[in-house]
C-alpha atoms as a PDB file:
ATOM      1  CA  UNK A   1       3.174  20.016 -90.906  1.00  0.00           C
ATOM      2  CA  UNK A   2       3.861  16.576 -91.670  1.00  0.00           C
ATOM      3  CA  UNK A   3       4.521  15.030 -95.186  1.00  0.00           C
ATOM      4  CA  UNK A   4       4.307  11.408 -96.148  1.00  0.00           C
ATOM      5  CA  UNK A   5       6.438  10.127 -99.173  1.00  0.00           C
ATOM      6  CA  UNK A   6       3.781   8.072-101.495  1.00  0.00           C
ATOM      7  CA  UNK A   7       5.555   6.281-104.190  1.00  0.00           C
ATOM      8  CA  UNK A   8       3.532   7.398-107.623  1.00  0.00           C
ATOM      9  CA  UNK A   9       1.826   4.309-109.371  1.00  0.00           C
ATOM     10  CA  UNK A  10       2.647   4.814-113.142  1.00  0.00           C
ATOM     11  CA  UNK A  11       6.015   7.037-112.893  1.00  0.00           C
ATOM     12  CA  UNK A  12       7.702   5.129-109.664  1.00  0.00           C
ATOM     13  CA  UNK A  13       8.057   8.992-108.209  1.00  0.00           C
ATOM     14  CA  UNK A  14       7.991  10.001-104.540  1.00  0.00           C
ATOM     15  CA  UNK A  15       5.753  12.962-103.776  1.00  0.00           C
ATOM     16  CA  UNK A  16       4.879  14.786-100.261  1.00  0.00           C
ATOM     17  CA  UNK A  17       1.396  14.507 -99.094  1.00  0.00           C
ATOM     18  CA  UNK A  18       0.201  16.396 -96.220  1.00  0.00           C
ATOM     19  CA  UNK A  19      -0.729  14.094 -93.096  1.00  0.00           C
ATOM     20  CA  UNK A  20      -2.595  15.678 -90.413  1.00  0.00           C
ATOM     21  CA  UNK A  21      -2.112  14.388 -86.814  1.00  0.00           C
ATOM     22  CA  UNK A  22      -5.505  12.267 -85.545  1.00  0.00           C
ATOM     23  CA  UNK A  23      -8.258  14.757 -84.482  1.00  0.00           C
ATOM     24  CA  UNK A  24      -8.554  12.478 -80.917  1.00  0.00           C
ATOM     25  CA  UNK A  25      -5.085  13.135 -79.820  1.00  0.00           C
ATOM     26  CA  UNK A  26      -5.341  16.763 -78.586  1.00  0.00           C
ATOM     27  CA  UNK A  27      -9.208  17.248 -79.399  1.00  0.00           C
ATOM     28  CA  UNK A  28     -10.621  19.725 -76.560  1.00  0.00           C
ATOM     29  CA  UNK A  29     -13.043  16.750 -75.765  1.00  0.00           C
ATOM     30  CA  UNK A  30     -10.449  14.915 -75.064  1.00  0.00           C
ATOM     31  CA  UNK A  31      -8.725  17.508 -72.919  1.00  0.00           C
ATOM     32  CA  UNK A  32     -11.830  18.193 -70.563  1.00  0.00           C
ATOM     33  CA  UNK A  33     -12.383  14.456 -69.931  1.00  0.00           C
ATOM     34  CA  UNK A  34      -8.736  14.470 -68.550  1.00  0.00           C
ATOM     35  CA  UNK A  35      -8.201  17.653 -67.012  1.00  0.00           C
ATOM     36  CA  UNK A  36     -11.847  17.942 -65.398  1.00  0.00           C
ATOM     37  CA  UNK A  37     -11.332  15.057 -62.943  1.00  0.00           C
ATOM     38  CA  UNK A  38      -7.640  15.888 -62.583  1.00  0.00           C
ATOM     39  CA  UNK A  39      -8.525  19.594 -61.605  1.00  0.00           C
ATOM     40  CA  UNK A  40     -11.460  18.183 -58.972  1.00  0.00           C
ATOM     41  CA  UNK A  41      -8.991  16.000 -57.747  1.00  0.00           C
ATOM     42  CA  UNK A  42      -6.435  18.645 -57.414  1.00  0.00           C
ATOM     43  CA  UNK A  43      -8.770  21.028 -55.899  1.00  0.00           C
ATOM     44  CA  UNK A  44      -9.966  18.749 -53.198  1.00  0.00           C
ATOM     45  CA  UNK A  45      -6.523  17.887 -52.407  1.00  0.00           C
ATOM     46  CA  UNK A  46      -5.985  21.928 -52.104  1.00  0.00           C
ATOM     47  CA  UNK A  47      -9.197  21.972 -49.734  1.00  0.00           C
ATOM     48  CA  UNK A  48      -7.923  19.047 -47.623  1.00  0.00           C
ATOM     49  CA  UNK A  49      -4.174  21.028 -47.047  1.00  0.00           C
ATOM     50  CA  UNK A  50      -6.117  24.348 -45.733  1.00  0.00           C
ATOM     51  CA  UNK A  51      -7.794  21.721 -43.203  1.00  0.00           C
ATOM     52  CA  UNK A  52      -4.495  20.642 -42.047  1.00  0.00           C
ATOM     53  CA  UNK A  53      -3.096  24.221 -42.012  1.00  0.00           C
ATOM     54  CA  UNK A  54      -6.135  25.466 -39.726  1.00  0.00           C
ATOM     55  CA  UNK A  55      -4.996  22.621 -37.172  1.00  0.00           C
ATOM     56  CA  UNK A  56      -1.692  23.138 -37.402  1.00  0.00           C
ATOM     57  CA  UNK A  57      -1.281  26.820 -37.619  1.00  0.00           C
ATOM     58  CA  UNK A  58      -3.924  28.908 -36.962  1.00  0.00           C
ATOM     59  CA  UNK A  59      -5.728  27.360 -34.408  1.00  0.00           C
ATOM     60  CA  UNK A  60      -2.929  27.058 -31.927  1.00  0.00           C
ATOM     61  CA  UNK A  61      -2.262  30.559 -32.787  1.00  0.00           C
ATOM     62  CA  UNK A  62       1.307  30.402 -33.668  1.00  0.00           C
ATOM     63  CA  UNK A  63       3.328  33.366 -34.095  1.00  0.00           C
ATOM     64  CA  UNK A  64       2.625  35.230 -37.280  1.00  0.00           C
ATOM     65  CA  UNK A  65       5.942  34.133 -38.513  1.00  0.00           C
ATOM     66  CA  UNK A  66       5.347  30.437 -38.032  1.00  0.00           C
ATOM     67  CA  UNK A  67       1.616  30.297 -38.839  1.00  0.00           C
ATOM     68  CA  UNK A  68       2.462  31.923 -42.802  1.00  0.00           C
ATOM     69  CA  UNK A  69       5.636  29.911 -43.256  1.00  0.00           C
ATOM     70  CA  UNK A  70       3.764  27.089 -42.271  1.00  0.00           C
ATOM     71  CA  UNK A  71       0.970  27.802 -44.858  1.00  0.00           C
ATOM     72  CA  UNK A  72       3.303  28.730 -47.308  1.00  0.00           C
ATOM     73  CA  UNK A  73       4.905  25.220 -47.224  1.00  0.00           C
ATOM     74  CA  UNK A  74       1.725  23.359 -47.448  1.00  0.00           C
ATOM     75  CA  UNK A  75       0.664  25.598 -50.179  1.00  0.00           C
ATOM     76  CA  UNK A  76       4.252  24.702 -52.397  1.00  0.00           C
ATOM     77  CA  UNK A  77       3.582  20.960 -51.856  1.00  0.00           C
ATOM     78  CA  UNK A  78      -0.052  21.069 -53.032  1.00  0.00           C
ATOM     79  CA  UNK A  79       1.713  22.482 -56.399  1.00  0.00           C
ATOM     80  CA  UNK A  80       4.470  19.918 -56.037  1.00  0.00           C
ATOM     81  CA  UNK A  81       1.748  17.171 -56.984  1.00  0.00           C
ATOM     82  CA  UNK A  82       1.112  18.583 -60.163  1.00  0.00           C
ATOM     83  CA  UNK A  83       4.500  19.402 -60.935  1.00  0.00           C
ATOM     84  CA  UNK A  84       5.605  15.826 -60.306  1.00  0.00           C
ATOM     85  CA  UNK A  85       2.816  14.852 -62.548  1.00  0.00           C
ATOM     86  CA  UNK A  86       3.772  16.972 -65.517  1.00  0.00           C
ATOM     87  CA  UNK A  87       7.222  15.846 -65.372  1.00  0.00           C
ATOM     88  CA  UNK A  88       6.734  12.017 -65.234  1.00  0.00           C
ATOM     89  CA  UNK A  89       4.572  11.817 -68.544  1.00  0.00           C
ATOM     90  CA  UNK A  90       8.122  12.308 -70.337  1.00  0.00           C
ATOM     91  CA  UNK A  91      11.768  12.813 -69.923  1.00  0.00           C
ATOM     92  CA  UNK A  92      12.823  16.141 -69.143  1.00  0.00           C
ATOM     93  CA  UNK A  93      16.066  16.073 -67.745  1.00  0.00           C
ATOM     94  CA  UNK A  94      16.914  16.091 -64.219  1.00  0.00           C
ATOM     95  CA  UNK A  95      13.353  17.756 -63.166  1.00  0.00           C
ATOM     96  CA  UNK A  96      11.731  14.385 -64.030  1.00  0.00           C
ATOM     97  CA  UNK A  97      14.219  12.548 -62.018  1.00  0.00           C
ATOM     98  CA  UNK A  98      13.625  14.836 -59.025  1.00  0.00           C
ATOM     99  CA  UNK A  99      10.110  16.168 -59.073  1.00  0.00           C
ATOM    100  CA  UNK A 100       7.385  12.759 -59.612  1.00  0.00           C
ATOM    101  CA  UNK A 101       9.519  10.728 -56.247  1.00  0.00           C
ATOM    102  CA  UNK A 102       8.878  13.934 -54.545  1.00  0.00           C
ATOM    103  CA  UNK A 103       5.458  14.500 -55.513  1.00  0.00           C
ATOM    104  CA  UNK A 104       4.505  10.752 -54.814  1.00  0.00           C
ATOM    105  CA  UNK A 105       6.313  11.196 -51.431  1.00  0.00           C
ATOM    106  CA  UNK A 106       4.321  13.528 -50.232  1.00  0.00           C
ATOM    107  CA  UNK A 107       1.045  12.099 -51.638  1.00  0.00           C
ATOM    108  CA  UNK A 108       1.506   9.403 -49.195  1.00  0.00           C
ATOM    109  CA  UNK A 109       2.930  11.644 -46.090  1.00  0.00           C
ATOM    110  CA  UNK A 110      -0.076  13.735 -46.663  1.00  0.00           C
ATOM    111  CA  UNK A 111      -2.835  10.810 -46.667  1.00  0.00           C
ATOM    112  CA  UNK A 112      -0.681  10.123 -43.087  1.00  0.00           C
ATOM    113  CA  UNK A 113      -1.087  13.663 -42.077  1.00  0.00           C
ATOM    114  CA  UNK A 114      -4.414  14.006 -42.964  1.00  0.00           C
ATOM    115  CA  UNK A 115      -5.643  10.996 -41.149  1.00  0.00           C
ATOM    116  CA  UNK A 116      -4.020  11.430 -38.118  1.00  0.00           C
ATOM    117  CA  UNK A 117      -5.347  15.376 -38.341  1.00  0.00           C
ATOM    118  CA  UNK A 118      -9.408  13.918 -38.512  1.00  0.00           C
ATOM    119  CA  UNK A 119      -8.362  11.228 -35.476  1.00  0.00           C
ATOM    120  CA  UNK A 120      -7.150  13.666 -33.577  1.00  0.00           C
ATOM    121  CA  UNK A 121     -10.654  15.886 -34.421  1.00  0.00           C
ATOM    122  CA  UNK A 122     -12.747  12.800 -34.012  1.00  0.00           C
ATOM    123  CA  UNK A 123     -10.738  12.457 -30.609  1.00  0.00           C
ATOM    124  CA  UNK A 124     -11.510  16.150 -29.353  1.00  0.00           C
ATOM    125  CA  UNK A 125     -15.306  16.053 -30.240  1.00  0.00           C
ATOM    126  CA  UNK A 126     -15.888  12.982 -28.094  1.00  0.00           C
ATOM    127  CA  UNK A 127     -13.974  14.502 -25.248  1.00  0.00           C
ATOM    128  CA  UNK A 128     -16.276  17.649 -26.010  1.00  0.00           C
ATOM    129  CA  UNK A 129     -19.589  14.975 -25.410  1.00  0.00           C
ATOM    130  CA  UNK A 130     -18.623  13.502 -22.649  1.00  0.00           C
ATOM    131  CA  UNK A 131     -16.559  15.976 -20.598  1.00  0.00           C
ATOM    132  CA  UNK A 132     -18.459  19.440 -22.081  1.00  0.00           C
ATOM    133  CA  UNK A 133     -17.258  21.737 -24.567  1.00  0.00           C
ATOM    134  CA  UNK A 134     -14.011  23.699 -22.949  1.00  0.00           C
ATOM    135  CA  UNK A 135     -14.012  27.885 -22.639  1.00  0.00           C
ATOM    136  CA  UNK A 136     -12.126  29.812 -25.192  1.00  0.00           C
ATOM    137  CA  UNK A 137      -8.584  29.725 -22.964  1.00  0.00           C
ATOM    138  CA  UNK A 138      -9.016  25.825 -22.844  1.00  0.00           C
ATOM    139  CA  UNK A 139      -9.919  25.163 -26.316  1.00  0.00           C
ATOM    140  CA  UNK A 140      -6.881  26.760 -27.475  1.00  0.00           C
ATOM    141  CA  UNK A 141      -4.758  24.339 -25.064  1.00  0.00           C
ATOM    142  CA  UNK A 142      -6.409  22.052 -26.708  1.00  0.00           C
ATOM    143  CA  UNK A 143      -5.640  23.111 -29.871  1.00  0.00           C
ATOM    144  CA  UNK A 144      -2.111  23.183 -29.185  1.00  0.00           C
ATOM    145  CA  UNK A 145      -1.880  20.228 -28.054  1.00  0.00           C
ATOM    146  CA  UNK A 146      -4.058  18.791 -31.051  1.00  0.00           C
ATOM    147  CA  UNK A 147      -1.126  20.547 -33.332  1.00  0.00           C
ATOM    148  CA  UNK A 148       1.828  18.802 -30.866  1.00  0.00           C
ATOM    149  CA  UNK A 149       0.172  15.366 -31.488  1.00  0.00           C
ATOM    150  CA  UNK A 150      -0.932  15.598 -35.005  1.00  0.00           C
ATOM    151  CA  UNK A 151       3.266  16.722 -35.634  1.00  0.00           C
ATOM    152  CA  UNK A 152       4.720  13.830 -33.389  1.00  0.00           C
ATOM    153  CA  UNK A 153       2.010  11.171 -34.963  1.00  0.00           C
ATOM    154  CA  UNK A 154       3.157  11.868 -38.525  1.00  0.00           C
ATOM    155  CA  UNK A 155       6.357  11.972 -37.585  1.00  0.00           C
ATOM    156  CA  UNK A 156       6.070   8.422 -36.171  1.00  0.00           C
ATOM    157  CA  UNK A 157       3.837   6.936 -39.080  1.00  0.00           C
ATOM    158  CA  UNK A 158       6.097   8.041 -41.557  1.00  0.00           C
ATOM    159  CA  UNK A 159       8.726   6.214 -40.978  1.00  0.00           C
ATOM    160  CA  UNK A 160       6.823   2.938 -40.044  1.00  0.00           C
ATOM    161  CA  UNK A 161       4.770   3.319 -43.682  1.00  0.00           C
ATOM    162  CA  UNK A 162       8.208   3.217 -45.103  1.00  0.00           C
ATOM    163  CA  UNK A 163       9.452   0.555 -43.278  1.00  0.00           C
ATOM    164  CA  UNK A 164       6.719  -1.342 -44.012  1.00  0.00           C
ATOM    165  CA  UNK A 165       6.391  -0.363 -47.606  1.00  0.00           C
ATOM    166  CA  UNK A 166      10.118  -1.711 -48.142  1.00  0.00           C
ATOM    167  CA  UNK A 167       9.585  -5.044 -46.170  1.00  0.00           C
ATOM    168  CA  UNK A 168       9.461  -8.296 -47.799  1.00  0.00           C
ATOM    169  CA  UNK A 169       7.412  -9.601 -50.351  1.00  0.00           C
ATOM    170  CA  UNK A 170       3.986 -11.494 -49.474  1.00  0.00           C
ATOM    171  CA  UNK A 171       3.566 -14.522 -51.068  1.00  0.00           C
ATOM    172  CA  UNK A 172      -0.308 -15.806 -50.555  1.00  0.00           C
ATOM    173  CA  UNK A 173      -1.354 -18.938 -51.949  1.00  0.00           C
ATOM    174  CA  UNK A 174      -5.272 -19.377 -52.935  1.00  0.00           C
ATOM    175  CA  UNK A 175      -7.234 -22.055 -54.346  1.00  0.00           C
ATOM    176  CA  UNK A 176     -10.393 -21.623 -56.597  1.00  0.00           C
ATOM    177  CA  UNK A 177     -12.363 -25.209 -57.094  1.00  0.00           C
ATOM    178  CA  UNK A 178     -14.277 -24.390 -60.160  1.00  0.00           C
ATOM    179  CA  UNK A 179     -16.371 -27.271 -60.729  1.00  0.00           C
ATOM    180  CA  UNK A 180     -16.993 -26.819 -64.834  1.00  0.00           C
ATOM    181  CA  UNK A 181     -13.368 -26.507 -65.293  1.00  0.00           C
ATOM    182  CA  UNK A 182     -12.140 -28.036 -68.761  1.00  0.00           C
ATOM    183  CA  UNK A 183      -9.733 -30.864 -68.248  1.00  0.00           C
ATOM    184  CA  UNK A 184      -7.155 -29.283 -70.450  1.00  0.00           C
ATOM    185  CA  UNK A 185      -6.339 -26.212 -67.392  1.00  0.00           C
ATOM    186  CA  UNK A 186      -6.906 -28.264 -64.674  1.00  0.00           C
ATOM    187  CA  UNK A 187      -3.634 -27.470 -62.098  1.00  0.00           C
ATOM    188  CA  UNK A 188      -3.088 -24.272 -63.770  1.00  0.00           C
ATOM    189  CA  UNK A 189      -1.195 -21.472 -61.554  1.00  0.00           C
ATOM    190  CA  UNK A 190      -2.128 -18.277 -62.283  1.00  0.00           C
ATOM    191  CA  UNK A 191       0.407 -15.332 -60.245  1.00  0.00           C
ATOM    192  CA  UNK A 192      -0.443 -12.069 -60.048  1.00  0.00           C
ATOM    193  CA  UNK A 193       2.027  -9.313 -58.666  1.00  0.00           C
ATOM    194  CA  UNK A 194       0.576  -6.175 -57.200  1.00  0.00           C
ATOM    195  CA  UNK A 195       1.156  -3.373 -55.094  1.00  0.00           C
ATOM    196  CA  UNK A 196       5.123  -3.068 -55.342  1.00  0.00           C
ATOM    197  CA  UNK A 197       5.426   0.692 -55.761  1.00  0.00           C
ATOM    198  CA  UNK A 198       8.367  -0.037 -58.160  1.00  0.00           C
ATOM    199  CA  UNK A 199       9.942   3.296 -59.350  1.00  0.00           C
ATOM    200  CA  UNK A 200      13.102   5.555 -58.683  1.00  0.00           C
ATOM    201  CA  UNK A 201      13.116   4.678 -54.901  1.00  0.00           C
ATOM    202  CA  UNK A 202      12.454   0.894 -55.419  1.00  0.00           C
ATOM    203  CA  UNK A 203      14.096  -0.667 -58.399  1.00  0.00           C
ATOM    204  CA  UNK A 204      15.469  -3.819 -60.156  1.00  0.00           C
ATOM    205  CA  UNK A 205      17.315  -4.570 -56.659  1.00  0.00           C
ATOM    206  CA  UNK A 206      14.337  -4.999 -54.548  1.00  0.00           C
ATOM    207  CA  UNK A 207      12.407  -6.799 -57.057  1.00  0.00           C
ATOM    208  CA  UNK A 208      14.698  -9.434 -57.453  1.00  0.00           C
ATOM    209  CA  UNK A 209      15.342  -9.779 -53.860  1.00  0.00           C
END
Protein backbone atom coordinates (compact mmCIF):
# COMPACT_ATOMS: atom_id res chain seq x y z
CA UNK A 1 0.00 0.00 0.00
CA UNK A 2 0.92 3.68 0.01
CA UNK A 3 2.07 5.42 3.17
CA UNK A 4 2.22 9.05 4.21
CA UNK A 5 4.77 10.22 6.77
CA UNK A 6 3.00 12.39 9.37
CA UNK A 7 4.89 14.01 12.28
CA UNK A 8 3.59 13.33 15.80
CA UNK A 9 2.20 16.43 17.44
CA UNK A 10 3.83 15.86 20.84
CA UNK A 11 6.87 13.69 20.26
CA UNK A 12 7.78 15.24 16.89
CA UNK A 13 8.43 11.79 15.48
CA UNK A 14 7.39 10.50 12.09
CA UNK A 15 5.00 7.59 11.76
CA UNK A 16 3.61 5.75 8.73
CA UNK A 17 -0.08 6.25 7.96
CA UNK A 18 -1.71 4.09 5.24
CA UNK A 19 -3.18 6.18 2.44
CA UNK A 20 -5.73 4.66 0.06
CA UNK A 21 -6.03 5.95 -3.52
CA UNK A 22 -9.19 7.92 -4.29
CA UNK A 23 -12.08 5.61 -4.92
CA UNK A 24 -13.29 7.46 -8.02
CA UNK A 25 -10.06 6.82 -9.97
CA UNK A 26 -10.65 3.15 -10.74
CA UNK A 27 -14.26 2.69 -9.69
CA UNK A 28 -16.31 0.23 -11.79
CA UNK A 29 -18.76 2.99 -12.68
CA UNK A 30 -15.98 5.21 -13.98
CA UNK A 31 -14.56 2.38 -16.08
CA UNK A 32 -18.03 1.62 -17.47
CA UNK A 33 -18.68 5.26 -18.35
CA UNK A 34 -15.43 5.28 -20.31
CA UNK A 35 -15.56 1.81 -21.87
CA UNK A 36 -19.23 1.74 -22.92
CA UNK A 37 -19.07 4.54 -25.51
CA UNK A 38 -15.55 3.54 -26.56
CA UNK A 39 -16.52 -0.07 -27.25
CA UNK A 40 -19.74 1.05 -28.95
CA UNK A 41 -17.83 3.36 -31.28
CA UNK A 42 -15.27 0.61 -31.93
CA UNK A 43 -18.07 -1.83 -32.77
CA UNK A 44 -19.63 0.62 -35.25
CA UNK A 45 -16.16 1.25 -36.70
CA UNK A 46 -15.66 -2.50 -37.17
CA UNK A 47 -19.08 -2.93 -38.85
CA UNK A 48 -18.26 -0.13 -41.29
CA UNK A 49 -15.09 -2.01 -42.19
CA UNK A 50 -17.17 -5.14 -42.81
CA UNK A 51 -19.30 -3.09 -45.20
CA UNK A 52 -16.19 -1.84 -47.03
CA UNK A 53 -14.71 -5.35 -47.12
CA UNK A 54 -17.85 -6.69 -48.79
CA UNK A 55 -17.71 -4.02 -51.48
CA UNK A 56 -13.96 -4.35 -52.08
CA UNK A 57 -13.29 -8.07 -51.75
CA UNK A 58 -16.49 -10.14 -51.52
CA UNK A 59 -18.92 -8.62 -54.04
CA UNK A 60 -16.36 -8.52 -56.90
CA UNK A 61 -15.82 -12.29 -56.41
CA UNK A 62 -12.06 -11.99 -56.09
CA UNK A 63 -9.93 -15.11 -55.76
CA UNK A 64 -10.15 -16.58 -52.27
CA UNK A 65 -6.57 -15.71 -51.40
CA UNK A 66 -7.05 -12.03 -52.27
CA UNK A 67 -10.46 -11.82 -50.60
CA UNK A 68 -9.29 -13.42 -47.36
CA UNK A 69 -6.08 -11.38 -47.34
CA UNK A 70 -7.97 -8.14 -47.85
CA UNK A 71 -10.47 -8.94 -45.09
CA UNK A 72 -7.67 -9.88 -42.69
CA UNK A 73 -5.85 -6.65 -43.49
CA UNK A 74 -8.95 -4.57 -42.73
CA UNK A 75 -9.46 -6.50 -39.48
CA UNK A 76 -5.89 -5.75 -38.40
CA UNK A 77 -6.41 -2.06 -39.21
CA UNK A 78 -9.51 -2.04 -37.02
CA UNK A 79 -7.49 -3.51 -34.14
CA UNK A 80 -4.78 -0.91 -34.79
CA UNK A 81 -7.08 1.89 -33.58
CA UNK A 82 -7.57 0.72 -29.95
CA UNK A 83 -3.92 -0.38 -29.84
CA UNK A 84 -2.84 3.10 -30.88
CA UNK A 85 -5.18 4.64 -28.33
CA UNK A 86 -3.74 2.42 -25.58
CA UNK A 87 -0.13 3.34 -26.35
CA UNK A 88 -1.01 7.04 -26.62
CA UNK A 89 -2.06 7.23 -22.97
CA UNK A 90 1.53 7.21 -21.70
CA UNK A 91 5.05 6.71 -22.97
CA UNK A 92 5.74 2.98 -23.26
CA UNK A 93 8.82 3.19 -25.45
CA UNK A 94 8.87 2.77 -29.22
CA UNK A 95 5.26 1.46 -29.46
CA UNK A 96 4.05 4.83 -28.16
CA UNK A 97 5.83 6.53 -31.06
CA UNK A 98 4.70 4.06 -33.75
CA UNK A 99 1.15 2.88 -33.11
CA UNK A 100 -0.64 6.17 -32.26
CA UNK A 101 0.38 7.94 -35.51
CA UNK A 102 -0.55 4.86 -37.53
CA UNK A 103 -3.93 4.65 -35.80
CA UNK A 104 -4.68 8.33 -36.38
CA UNK A 105 -3.59 8.01 -39.99
CA UNK A 106 -5.85 5.04 -40.58
CA UNK A 107 -8.79 6.87 -39.01
CA UNK A 108 -8.37 9.54 -41.67
CA UNK A 109 -7.87 7.07 -44.51
CA UNK A 110 -10.82 4.92 -43.43
CA UNK A 111 -13.05 7.99 -43.39
CA UNK A 112 -12.17 8.69 -47.01
CA UNK A 113 -12.50 5.01 -47.92
CA UNK A 114 -15.96 4.81 -46.36
CA UNK A 115 -17.08 8.03 -48.05
CA UNK A 116 -15.99 6.81 -51.49
CA UNK A 117 -17.72 3.47 -50.90
CA UNK A 118 -21.00 5.13 -49.95
CA UNK A 119 -20.84 7.50 -52.93
CA UNK A 120 -20.25 4.65 -55.37
CA UNK A 121 -23.11 2.69 -53.78
CA UNK A 122 -25.41 5.67 -54.25
CA UNK A 123 -24.24 5.89 -57.86
CA UNK A 124 -25.12 2.22 -58.43
CA UNK A 125 -28.50 2.74 -56.78
CA UNK A 126 -29.28 5.75 -58.96
CA UNK A 127 -28.17 3.86 -62.07
CA UNK A 128 -30.44 0.97 -61.17
CA UNK A 129 -33.42 3.27 -60.62
CA UNK A 130 -32.90 5.01 -63.95
CA UNK A 131 -31.73 2.15 -66.19
CA UNK A 132 -33.19 -0.87 -64.45
CA UNK A 133 -31.64 -3.49 -62.19
CA UNK A 134 -28.92 -5.63 -63.83
CA UNK A 135 -28.88 -9.39 -64.09
CA UNK A 136 -26.32 -11.51 -62.22
CA UNK A 137 -23.55 -11.15 -64.80
CA UNK A 138 -24.02 -7.38 -65.15
CA UNK A 139 -24.22 -7.00 -61.36
CA UNK A 140 -20.87 -8.75 -61.01
CA UNK A 141 -19.35 -6.42 -63.60
CA UNK A 142 -20.74 -3.43 -61.71
CA UNK A 143 -19.35 -4.76 -58.43
CA UNK A 144 -15.89 -5.12 -59.95
CA UNK A 145 -16.08 -1.68 -61.51
CA UNK A 146 -17.16 -0.26 -58.16
CA UNK A 147 -14.23 -1.91 -56.37
CA UNK A 148 -11.82 -0.35 -58.85
CA UNK A 149 -13.51 3.04 -58.44
CA UNK A 150 -13.26 2.77 -54.64
CA UNK A 151 -9.56 1.90 -54.77
CA UNK A 152 -8.70 4.63 -57.28
CA UNK A 153 -10.84 7.26 -55.59
CA UNK A 154 -9.26 6.56 -52.21
CA UNK A 155 -5.76 6.52 -53.71
CA UNK A 156 -6.37 9.97 -55.23
CA UNK A 157 -8.16 11.59 -52.30
CA UNK A 158 -5.79 10.47 -49.52
CA UNK A 159 -2.71 12.33 -50.90
CA UNK A 160 -4.93 15.35 -51.56
CA UNK A 161 -6.14 15.26 -47.93
CA UNK A 162 -2.56 15.01 -46.67
CA UNK A 163 -1.52 17.93 -48.87
CA UNK A 164 -4.37 20.13 -47.63
CA UNK A 165 -3.64 19.17 -44.00
CA UNK A 166 -0.02 20.28 -44.38
CA UNK A 167 -0.94 23.48 -46.19
CA UNK A 168 -0.48 26.96 -44.86
CA UNK A 169 -2.68 28.10 -42.02
CA UNK A 170 -5.60 30.38 -42.83
CA UNK A 171 -6.13 33.58 -40.86
CA UNK A 172 -9.70 34.83 -40.69
CA UNK A 173 -10.62 38.14 -39.05
CA UNK A 174 -14.15 38.43 -37.70
CA UNK A 175 -15.59 41.58 -36.13
CA UNK A 176 -18.27 41.01 -33.51
CA UNK A 177 -20.16 44.23 -32.62
CA UNK A 178 -21.68 44.19 -29.11
CA UNK A 179 -23.98 46.96 -27.97
CA UNK A 180 -23.52 46.49 -24.22
CA UNK A 181 -19.79 45.91 -24.24
CA UNK A 182 -17.98 47.53 -21.31
CA UNK A 183 -15.76 50.46 -22.36
CA UNK A 184 -12.73 48.88 -20.72
CA UNK A 185 -12.70 45.98 -23.18
CA UNK A 186 -13.50 47.97 -26.32
CA UNK A 187 -11.24 46.84 -29.17
CA UNK A 188 -10.39 43.59 -27.39
CA UNK A 189 -8.94 40.95 -29.71
CA UNK A 190 -9.51 37.26 -29.11
CA UNK A 191 -7.36 34.74 -30.97
CA UNK A 192 -8.69 31.22 -31.53
CA UNK A 193 -6.30 28.59 -32.86
CA UNK A 194 -7.95 25.32 -33.83
CA UNK A 195 -7.69 22.23 -36.03
CA UNK A 196 -3.89 22.27 -36.22
CA UNK A 197 -3.35 18.50 -35.75
CA UNK A 198 0.01 19.06 -34.08
CA UNK A 199 1.69 15.76 -33.26
CA UNK A 200 4.39 13.41 -34.45
CA UNK A 201 3.87 14.38 -38.11
CA UNK A 202 3.20 18.11 -37.70
CA UNK A 203 5.43 19.46 -34.97
CA UNK A 204 6.85 22.74 -33.70
CA UNK A 205 8.48 23.63 -37.04
CA UNK A 206 5.11 23.49 -38.81
CA UNK A 207 3.49 25.62 -36.11
CA UNK A 208 6.25 28.24 -36.29
CA UNK A 209 5.95 28.39 -40.06
